[in-house]
Amino acid sequence: MGKTVILTGKQIEQKINRIAYEIYENNYNEKDVIIAGIVGNGYLLAEKINTVIKKISPLKTTLIEIKIDKENPMSKEIKIALSEKELKNKVIILVDDVLNSGKTLIFGAKPFLSTPIKRLTTAILVDRGHNRYPIKADVVGLSLSTTLQEHITVELKKGKEAAYLS
């Protein structure tokens, strides 16, 4: 079975713009927000969203990477670059490329659960809707019904952006 393009580079760019505008609309009265991308494509997507937010709004953003072992998230400590004091009473936007079972996203949210943050919002490029964990995507680029046997691959390298179903 081959790969089917579900999002072209241009469509991904449009989705990122829409996600950034939605984040700004939901946080227009905030002074600053923290955009936390999950290691790998989640962080690359967070960088792209952050760039658009800086262009379209006066929001001050802080971009951080969540370092997590996606295959076995309980095997190693989940690391973020900010202290509890820096997170206190802040709005956090948790970003990843694909929401499949919700495992990576829920473990990515873990570092923020022990801190009194203002709000946690999730932003996802592609939501497959096969959640096994109690977490949802608040801001979604594309919702796509797939079978459990199908896989979604997102490529975010400059000039090669695309999302595939295989």
N, C-alpha and C. Protein backbone atom coordinates (compact mmCIF):
# COMPACT_ATOMS: atom_id res chain seq x y z
N MET A 1 0.84 -1.18 0.00
CA MET A 1 0.00 0.00 0.00
C MET A 1 0.88 1.24 0.00
N GLY A 2 0.64 2.18 -0.90
CA GLY A 2 1.47 3.37 -1.04
C GLY A 2 1.01 4.51 -0.15
N LYS A 3 1.68 5.61 -0.31
CA LYS A 3 1.36 6.81 0.45
C LYS A 3 0.37 7.67 -0.33
N THR A 4 -0.58 8.24 0.38
CA THR A 4 -1.54 9.18 -0.20
C THR A 4 -1.32 10.52 0.47
N VAL A 5 -1.15 11.56 -0.32
CA VAL A 5 -0.98 12.90 0.23
C VAL A 5 -2.32 13.38 0.77
N ILE A 6 -2.35 13.71 2.06
CA ILE A 6 -3.59 14.25 2.64
C ILE A 6 -3.49 15.76 2.86
N LEU A 7 -2.26 16.27 2.96
CA LEU A 7 -2.03 17.72 3.04
C LEU A 7 -0.77 18.06 2.26
N THR A 8 -0.89 19.00 1.34
CA THR A 8 0.28 19.49 0.63
C THR A 8 0.99 20.54 1.49
N GLY A 9 2.15 20.96 1.06
CA GLY A 9 2.87 22.01 1.78
C GLY A 9 2.05 23.27 1.91
N LYS A 10 1.38 23.67 0.84
CA LYS A 10 0.53 24.88 0.85
C LYS A 10 -0.63 24.71 1.84
N GLN A 11 -1.24 23.53 1.85
CA GLN A 11 -2.34 23.28 2.78
C GLN A 11 -1.87 23.28 4.23
N ILE A 12 -0.68 22.73 4.47
CA ILE A 12 -0.11 22.75 5.83
C ILE A 12 0.12 24.19 6.26
N GLU A 13 0.64 25.00 5.37
CA GLU A 13 0.86 26.42 5.67
C GLU A 13 -0.46 27.10 6.03
N GLN A 14 -1.52 26.80 5.27
CA GLN A 14 -2.84 27.38 5.56
C GLN A 14 -3.35 26.91 6.93
N LYS A 15 -3.16 25.64 7.23
CA LYS A 15 -3.60 25.09 8.52
C LYS A 15 -2.83 25.75 9.67
N ILE A 16 -1.53 25.93 9.50
CA ILE A 16 -0.71 26.58 10.53
C ILE A 16 -1.18 28.01 10.75
N ASN A 17 -1.46 28.73 9.67
CA ASN A 17 -1.98 30.10 9.79
C ASN A 17 -3.29 30.12 10.56
N ARG A 18 -4.19 29.20 10.22
CA ARG A 18 -5.49 29.15 10.88
C ARG A 18 -5.34 28.80 12.37
N ILE A 19 -4.45 27.84 12.67
CA ILE A 19 -4.20 27.46 14.07
C ILE A 19 -3.66 28.68 14.84
N ALA A 20 -2.72 29.40 14.25
CA ALA A 20 -2.12 30.57 14.90
C ALA A 20 -3.18 31.65 15.16
N TYR A 21 -4.04 31.91 14.18
CA TYR A 21 -5.11 32.89 14.36
C TYR A 21 -6.07 32.45 15.46
N GLU A 22 -6.40 31.17 15.51
CA GLU A 22 -7.30 30.67 16.54
C GLU A 22 -6.67 30.79 17.92
N ILE A 23 -5.39 30.50 18.03
CA ILE A 23 -4.68 30.66 19.30
C ILE A 23 -4.71 32.13 19.73
N TYR A 24 -4.45 33.02 18.79
CA TYR A 24 -4.48 34.45 19.11
C TYR A 24 -5.89 34.89 19.52
N GLU A 25 -6.91 34.46 18.78
CA GLU A 25 -8.29 34.82 19.11
C GLU A 25 -8.66 34.36 20.52
N ASN A 26 -8.20 33.18 20.91
CA ASN A 26 -8.52 32.64 22.23
C ASN A 26 -7.68 33.25 23.35
N ASN A 27 -6.62 33.98 22.98
CA ASN A 27 -5.70 34.52 23.99
C ASN A 27 -5.38 36.00 23.77
N TYR A 28 -6.24 36.72 23.05
CA TYR A 28 -5.96 38.11 22.70
C TYR A 28 -5.78 39.01 23.92
N ASN A 29 -6.39 38.64 25.06
CA ASN A 29 -6.27 39.48 26.25
C ASN A 29 -5.10 39.09 27.16
N GLU A 30 -4.29 38.14 26.73
CA GLU A 30 -3.12 37.72 27.50
C GLU A 30 -1.91 38.58 27.12
N LYS A 31 -1.00 38.74 28.07
CA LYS A 31 0.25 39.45 27.76
C LYS A 31 1.22 38.53 27.05
N ASP A 32 1.29 37.28 27.52
CA ASP A 32 2.20 36.32 26.91
C ASP A 32 1.67 34.91 27.05
N VAL A 33 2.12 34.05 26.15
CA VAL A 33 1.76 32.64 26.17
C VAL A 33 3.03 31.82 25.96
N ILE A 34 2.98 30.59 26.45
CA ILE A 34 4.09 29.66 26.25
C ILE A 34 3.64 28.64 25.22
N ILE A 35 4.41 28.51 24.16
CA ILE A 35 4.12 27.52 23.13
C ILE A 35 5.11 26.37 23.33
N ALA A 36 4.56 25.21 23.70
CA ALA A 36 5.38 24.06 24.05
C ALA A 36 5.20 22.97 23.00
N GLY A 37 6.24 22.74 22.21
CA GLY A 37 6.20 21.72 21.17
C GLY A 37 6.82 20.42 21.65
N ILE A 38 6.14 19.32 21.35
CA ILE A 38 6.68 18.01 21.73
C ILE A 38 7.81 17.66 20.77
N VAL A 39 8.91 17.16 21.32
CA VAL A 39 10.13 16.87 20.58
C VAL A 39 9.84 16.28 19.18
N GLY A 40 10.62 16.71 18.21
CA GLY A 40 10.43 16.24 16.82
C GLY A 40 9.49 17.16 16.08
N ASN A 41 8.53 16.57 15.37
CA ASN A 41 7.61 17.36 14.55
C ASN A 41 6.73 18.30 15.36
N GLY A 42 6.43 17.93 16.59
CA GLY A 42 5.63 18.82 17.44
C GLY A 42 6.35 20.14 17.67
N TYR A 43 7.66 20.06 17.90
CA TYR A 43 8.44 21.29 18.10
C TYR A 43 8.58 22.08 16.80
N LEU A 44 8.80 21.39 15.68
CA LEU A 44 8.88 22.09 14.39
C LEU A 44 7.57 22.81 14.09
N LEU A 45 6.45 22.17 14.37
CA LEU A 45 5.14 22.78 14.16
C LEU A 45 4.96 23.97 15.11
N ALA A 46 5.39 23.82 16.35
CA ALA A 46 5.31 24.92 17.33
C ALA A 46 6.12 26.13 16.86
N GLU A 47 7.30 25.88 16.28
CA GLU A 47 8.13 26.97 15.75
C GLU A 47 7.37 27.73 14.66
N LYS A 48 6.73 26.99 13.76
CA LYS A 48 6.01 27.61 12.65
C LYS A 48 4.80 28.40 13.16
N ILE A 49 4.08 27.85 14.12
CA ILE A 49 2.93 28.55 14.71
C ILE A 49 3.41 29.81 15.42
N ASN A 50 4.50 29.70 16.16
CA ASN A 50 5.08 30.83 16.88
C ASN A 50 5.45 31.96 15.91
N THR A 51 6.04 31.62 14.78
CA THR A 51 6.42 32.63 13.78
C THR A 51 5.19 33.39 13.28
N VAL A 52 4.11 32.68 13.01
CA VAL A 52 2.88 33.33 12.53
C VAL A 52 2.27 34.20 13.63
N ILE A 53 2.23 33.70 14.85
CA ILE A 53 1.66 34.50 15.95
C ILE A 53 2.42 35.81 16.12
N LYS A 54 3.75 35.76 16.02
CA LYS A 54 4.56 36.98 16.13
C LYS A 54 4.24 37.98 15.02
N LYS A 55 3.89 37.48 13.82
CA LYS A 55 3.56 38.36 12.70
C LYS A 55 2.18 39.00 12.84
N ILE A 56 1.23 38.25 13.40
CA ILE A 56 -0.16 38.70 13.39
C ILE A 56 -0.64 39.35 14.68
N SER A 57 0.17 39.28 15.74
CA SER A 57 -0.34 39.74 17.04
C SER A 57 0.76 40.39 17.88
N PRO A 58 0.32 41.13 18.90
CA PRO A 58 1.29 41.70 19.85
C PRO A 58 1.64 40.74 20.98
N LEU A 59 1.09 39.51 20.96
CA LEU A 59 1.37 38.55 22.02
C LEU A 59 2.86 38.28 22.15
N LYS A 60 3.33 38.25 23.38
CA LYS A 60 4.70 37.84 23.63
C LYS A 60 4.66 36.32 23.79
N THR A 61 5.46 35.62 23.03
CA THR A 61 5.46 34.16 23.11
C THR A 61 6.82 33.65 23.59
N THR A 62 6.78 32.55 24.30
CA THR A 62 7.99 31.84 24.69
C THR A 62 7.86 30.45 24.10
N LEU A 63 8.83 30.06 23.29
CA LEU A 63 8.81 28.76 22.63
C LEU A 63 9.70 27.80 23.40
N ILE A 64 9.14 26.65 23.79
CA ILE A 64 9.92 25.64 24.50
C ILE A 64 9.70 24.27 23.87
N GLU A 65 10.66 23.38 24.11
CA GLU A 65 10.56 22.01 23.61
C GLU A 65 10.33 21.08 24.79
N ILE A 66 9.39 20.15 24.61
CA ILE A 66 9.15 19.12 25.61
C ILE A 66 9.90 17.88 25.16
N LYS A 67 10.87 17.47 25.95
CA LYS A 67 11.67 16.30 25.61
C LYS A 67 11.06 15.08 26.27
N ILE A 68 10.60 14.16 25.43
CA ILE A 68 9.87 12.99 25.90
C ILE A 68 10.21 11.80 25.00
N ASP A 69 10.30 10.63 25.59
CA ASP A 69 10.48 9.41 24.80
C ASP A 69 9.08 9.00 24.32
N LYS A 70 8.79 9.23 23.06
CA LYS A 70 7.44 9.00 22.53
C LYS A 70 7.03 7.53 22.59
N GLU A 71 7.97 6.63 22.40
CA GLU A 71 7.64 5.20 22.41
C GLU A 71 7.36 4.69 23.82
N ASN A 72 8.13 5.17 24.80
CA ASN A 72 7.98 4.72 26.17
C ASN A 72 8.11 5.92 27.11
N PRO A 73 7.05 6.74 27.20
CA PRO A 73 7.15 8.00 27.95
C PRO A 73 7.43 7.86 29.44
N MET A 74 7.17 6.69 30.02
CA MET A 74 7.43 6.52 31.45
C MET A 74 8.86 6.08 31.74
N SER A 75 9.64 5.78 30.69
CA SER A 75 10.99 5.27 30.89
C SER A 75 12.00 6.35 31.30
N LYS A 76 11.76 7.58 30.88
CA LYS A 76 12.68 8.68 31.18
C LYS A 76 11.88 9.88 31.68
N GLU A 77 12.58 10.75 32.39
CA GLU A 77 11.94 11.97 32.87
C GLU A 77 11.60 12.87 31.68
N ILE A 78 10.43 13.47 31.74
CA ILE A 78 10.01 14.42 30.71
C ILE A 78 10.63 15.77 31.07
N LYS A 79 11.34 16.38 30.11
CA LYS A 79 12.07 17.61 30.41
C LYS A 79 11.53 18.80 29.65
N ILE A 80 11.46 19.93 30.35
CA ILE A 80 11.12 21.21 29.73
C ILE A 80 12.14 22.24 30.23
N ALA A 81 12.29 23.31 29.46
CA ALA A 81 13.35 24.28 29.74
C ALA A 81 12.96 25.38 30.73
N LEU A 82 11.73 25.37 31.22
CA LEU A 82 11.30 26.42 32.14
C LEU A 82 11.08 25.88 33.54
N SER A 83 11.29 26.74 34.51
CA SER A 83 11.06 26.35 35.90
C SER A 83 9.58 26.50 36.24
N GLU A 84 9.23 25.95 37.39
CA GLU A 84 7.84 26.06 37.87
C GLU A 84 7.45 27.53 38.03
N LYS A 85 8.38 28.35 38.52
CA LYS A 85 8.12 29.78 38.72
C LYS A 85 7.80 30.47 37.39
N GLU A 86 8.53 30.09 36.32
CA GLU A 86 8.32 30.70 35.00
C GLU A 86 6.99 30.26 34.37
N LEU A 87 6.46 29.12 34.79
CA LEU A 87 5.19 28.60 34.26
C LEU A 87 3.98 29.11 35.02
N LYS A 88 4.19 29.57 36.24
CA LYS A 88 3.08 29.93 37.12
C LYS A 88 2.18 30.99 36.48
N ASN A 89 0.86 30.67 36.50
CA ASN A 89 -0.18 31.56 35.98
C ASN A 89 -0.02 31.93 34.51
N LYS A 90 0.59 31.06 33.74
CA LYS A 90 0.77 31.30 32.30
C LYS A 90 -0.21 30.44 31.50
N VAL A 91 -0.46 30.87 30.29
CA VAL A 91 -1.24 30.08 29.34
C VAL A 91 -0.25 29.23 28.56
N ILE A 92 -0.51 27.93 28.51
CA ILE A 92 0.37 26.99 27.81
C ILE A 92 -0.38 26.47 26.58
N ILE A 93 0.28 26.50 25.43
CA ILE A 93 -0.24 25.89 24.21
C ILE A 93 0.64 24.69 23.93
N LEU A 94 0.09 23.48 24.08
CA LEU A 94 0.82 22.24 23.86
C LEU A 94 0.61 21.80 22.41
N VAL A 95 1.71 21.63 21.66
CA VAL A 95 1.64 21.40 20.21
C VAL A 95 2.27 20.06 19.83
N ASP A 96 1.55 19.32 18.97
CA ASP A 96 2.11 18.11 18.36
C ASP A 96 1.54 17.99 16.95
N ASP A 97 2.18 17.15 16.14
CA ASP A 97 1.76 17.04 14.74
C ASP A 97 0.53 16.17 14.54
N VAL A 98 0.51 14.98 15.15
CA VAL A 98 -0.60 14.04 14.95
C VAL A 98 -1.12 13.57 16.30
N LEU A 99 -2.43 13.59 16.47
CA LEU A 99 -3.05 13.01 17.66
C LEU A 99 -3.62 11.67 17.26
N ASN A 100 -3.00 10.62 17.75
CA ASN A 100 -3.44 9.26 17.45
C ASN A 100 -4.18 8.72 18.67
N SER A 101 -3.46 8.13 19.61
CA SER A 101 -4.11 7.56 20.79
C SER A 101 -4.23 8.59 21.92
N GLY A 102 -3.42 9.64 21.87
CA GLY A 102 -3.40 10.64 22.92
C GLY A 102 -2.30 10.41 23.95
N LYS A 103 -1.56 9.31 23.82
CA LYS A 103 -0.52 8.97 24.80
C LYS A 103 0.58 10.03 24.86
N THR A 104 1.14 10.40 23.72
CA THR A 104 2.21 11.40 23.71
C THR A 104 1.71 12.74 24.24
N LEU A 105 0.51 13.12 23.84
CA LEU A 105 -0.04 14.41 24.26
C LEU A 105 -0.29 14.45 25.77
N ILE A 106 -0.85 13.39 26.31
CA ILE A 106 -1.14 13.39 27.75
C ILE A 106 0.15 13.37 28.57
N PHE A 107 1.16 12.64 28.13
CA PHE A 107 2.44 12.66 28.84
C PHE A 107 3.16 14.00 28.62
N GLY A 108 2.95 14.62 27.46
CA GLY A 108 3.50 15.96 27.22
C GLY A 108 2.89 17.01 28.13
N ALA A 109 1.66 16.79 28.56
CA ALA A 109 0.98 17.72 29.47
C ALA A 109 1.42 17.54 30.92
N LYS A 110 2.00 16.39 31.22
CA LYS A 110 2.36 16.04 32.60
C LYS A 110 3.20 17.10 33.33
N PRO A 111 4.24 17.69 32.71
CA PRO A 111 5.05 18.67 33.45
C PRO A 111 4.26 19.90 33.91
N PHE A 112 3.12 20.16 33.28
CA PHE A 112 2.35 21.35 33.62
C PHE A 112 1.29 21.08 34.70
N LEU A 113 1.09 19.83 35.05
CA LEU A 113 0.04 19.47 35.99
C LEU A 113 0.41 19.77 37.44
N SER A 114 1.69 19.89 37.72
CA SER A 114 2.12 20.15 39.10
C SER A 114 2.35 21.64 39.36
N THR A 115 1.98 22.47 38.40
CA THR A 115 2.18 23.91 38.49
C THR A 115 0.83 24.61 38.32
N PRO A 116 0.58 25.66 39.10
CA PRO A 116 -0.69 26.38 38.93
C PRO A 116 -0.67 27.27 37.68
N ILE A 117 -0.92 26.66 36.53
CA ILE A 117 -0.95 27.42 35.28
C ILE A 117 -2.34 28.03 35.11
N LYS A 118 -2.44 28.99 34.22
CA LYS A 118 -3.71 29.66 33.96
C LYS A 118 -4.63 28.79 33.09
N ARG A 119 -4.05 28.23 32.01
CA ARG A 119 -4.84 27.41 31.09
C ARG A 119 -3.89 26.57 30.23
N LEU A 120 -4.33 25.37 29.89
CA LEU A 120 -3.60 24.49 28.99
C LEU A 120 -4.49 24.21 27.79
N THR A 121 -3.97 24.54 26.61
CA THR A 121 -4.69 24.31 25.35
C THR A 121 -3.82 23.43 24.48
N THR A 122 -4.44 22.51 23.74
CA THR A 122 -3.69 21.66 22.83
C THR A 122 -3.95 22.07 21.39
N ALA A 123 -2.89 22.04 20.57
CA ALA A 123 -2.99 22.36 19.15
C ALA A 123 -2.36 21.21 18.36
N ILE A 124 -3.10 20.69 17.39
CA ILE A 124 -2.69 19.51 16.63
C ILE A 124 -2.89 19.78 15.15
N LEU A 125 -1.94 19.35 14.33
CA LEU A 125 -2.10 19.49 12.88
C LEU A 125 -3.13 18.50 12.35
N VAL A 126 -3.00 17.21 12.71
CA VAL A 126 -3.93 16.17 12.23
C VAL A 126 -4.45 15.36 13.42
N ASP A 127 -5.77 15.33 13.58
CA ASP A 127 -6.40 14.55 14.63
C ASP A 127 -7.05 13.32 14.01
N ARG A 128 -6.58 12.14 14.40
CA ARG A 128 -7.12 10.89 13.86
C ARG A 128 -8.36 10.41 14.60
N GLY A 129 -8.56 10.87 15.82
CA GLY A 129 -9.76 10.52 16.57
C GLY A 129 -9.78 9.12 17.16
N HIS A 130 -8.62 8.53 17.44
CA HIS A 130 -8.55 7.20 18.06
C HIS A 130 -8.11 7.28 19.52
N ASN A 131 -8.61 8.26 20.23
CA ASN A 131 -8.13 8.51 21.59
C ASN A 131 -8.38 7.34 22.53
N ARG A 132 -7.32 6.97 23.25
CA ARG A 132 -7.41 5.98 24.33
C ARG A 132 -7.14 6.65 25.66
N TYR A 133 -6.75 7.91 25.64
CA TYR A 133 -6.43 8.66 26.84
C TYR A 133 -7.37 9.86 26.92
N PRO A 134 -7.65 10.35 28.13
CA PRO A 134 -8.61 11.44 28.28
C PRO A 134 -8.02 12.81 27.96
N ILE A 135 -7.67 13.00 26.72
CA ILE A 135 -7.16 14.31 26.27
C ILE A 135 -7.66 14.52 24.85
N LYS A 136 -7.95 15.78 24.55
CA LYS A 136 -8.48 16.09 23.22
C LYS A 136 -7.68 17.23 22.61
N ALA A 137 -7.86 17.40 21.33
CA ALA A 137 -7.24 18.53 20.63
C ALA A 137 -8.21 19.70 20.68
N ASP A 138 -7.74 20.84 21.19
CA ASP A 138 -8.58 22.04 21.25
C ASP A 138 -8.57 22.79 19.93
N VAL A 139 -7.40 22.87 19.31
CA VAL A 139 -7.24 23.56 18.02
C VAL A 139 -6.70 22.53 17.04
N VAL A 140 -7.43 22.28 15.96
CA VAL A 140 -7.09 21.21 15.02
C VAL A 140 -6.99 21.75 13.60
N GLY A 141 -5.92 21.35 12.91
CA GLY A 141 -5.79 21.71 11.50
C GLY A 141 -6.69 20.86 10.62
N LEU A 142 -6.66 19.54 10.83
CA LEU A 142 -7.44 18.60 10.02
C LEU A 142 -7.86 17.42 10.89
N SER A 143 -9.16 17.12 10.89
CA SER A 143 -9.67 15.91 11.54
C SER A 143 -9.88 14.88 10.45
N LEU A 144 -9.34 13.70 10.67
CA LEU A 144 -9.38 12.67 9.64
C LEU A 144 -9.70 11.32 10.25
N SER A 145 -10.78 10.70 9.78
CA SER A 145 -11.13 9.37 10.25
C SER A 145 -10.27 8.35 9.51
N THR A 146 -9.57 7.53 10.27
CA THR A 146 -8.70 6.51 9.67
C THR A 146 -8.97 5.18 10.38
N THR A 147 -8.48 4.12 9.79
CA THR A 147 -8.53 2.84 10.48
C THR A 147 -7.32 2.75 11.40
N LEU A 148 -7.34 1.84 12.34
CA LEU A 148 -6.21 1.67 13.25
C LEU A 148 -4.96 1.18 12.52
N GLN A 149 -5.14 0.53 11.37
CA GLN A 149 -4.00 0.01 10.61
C GLN A 149 -3.33 1.10 9.76
N GLU A 150 -4.02 2.19 9.51
CA GLU A 150 -3.44 3.26 8.70
C GLU A 150 -2.55 4.16 9.56
N HIS A 151 -1.57 4.76 8.93
CA HIS A 151 -0.64 5.64 9.63
C HIS A 151 -0.59 6.99 8.94
N ILE A 152 -0.38 8.02 9.73
CA ILE A 152 -0.20 9.37 9.19
C ILE A 152 1.23 9.79 9.47
N THR A 153 1.90 10.26 8.42
CA THR A 153 3.27 10.75 8.53
C THR A 153 3.26 12.21 8.12
N VAL A 154 3.88 13.05 8.93
CA VAL A 154 3.95 14.48 8.62
C VAL A 154 5.41 14.84 8.40
N GLU A 155 5.68 15.52 7.31
CA GLU A 155 7.03 16.00 6.97
C GLU A 155 6.99 17.53 7.05
N LEU A 156 7.82 18.11 7.92
CA LEU A 156 7.80 19.56 8.11
C LEU A 156 9.10 20.25 7.73
N LYS A 157 10.01 19.55 7.08
CA LYS A 157 11.26 20.17 6.65
C LYS A 157 10.97 21.16 5.53
N LYS A 158 11.64 22.29 5.58
CA LYS A 158 11.42 23.38 4.61
C LYS A 158 11.49 22.88 3.18
N GLY A 159 10.46 23.17 2.40
CA GLY A 159 10.42 22.78 1.00
C GLY A 159 9.88 21.37 0.77
N LYS A 160 9.73 20.59 1.84
CA LYS A 160 9.25 19.20 1.70
C LYS A 160 8.02 18.96 2.57
N GLU A 161 7.32 20.04 2.96
CA GLU A 161 6.17 19.88 3.83
C GLU A 161 5.05 19.10 3.15
N ALA A 162 4.55 18.10 3.86
CA ALA A 162 3.42 17.31 3.39
C ALA A 162 2.97 16.37 4.51
N ALA A 163 1.73 15.93 4.42
CA ALA A 163 1.23 14.90 5.34
C ALA A 163 0.72 13.76 4.48
N TYR A 164 1.06 12.54 4.91
CA TYR A 164 0.73 11.35 4.12
C TYR A 164 -0.07 10.36 4.95
N LEU A 165 -0.93 9.64 4.27
CA LEU A 165 -1.65 8.52 4.85
C LEU A 165 -1.12 7.25 4.18
N SER A 166 -0.73 6.30 5.00
CA SER A 166 -0.24 5.03 4.43
C SER A 166 -0.83 3.85 5.18
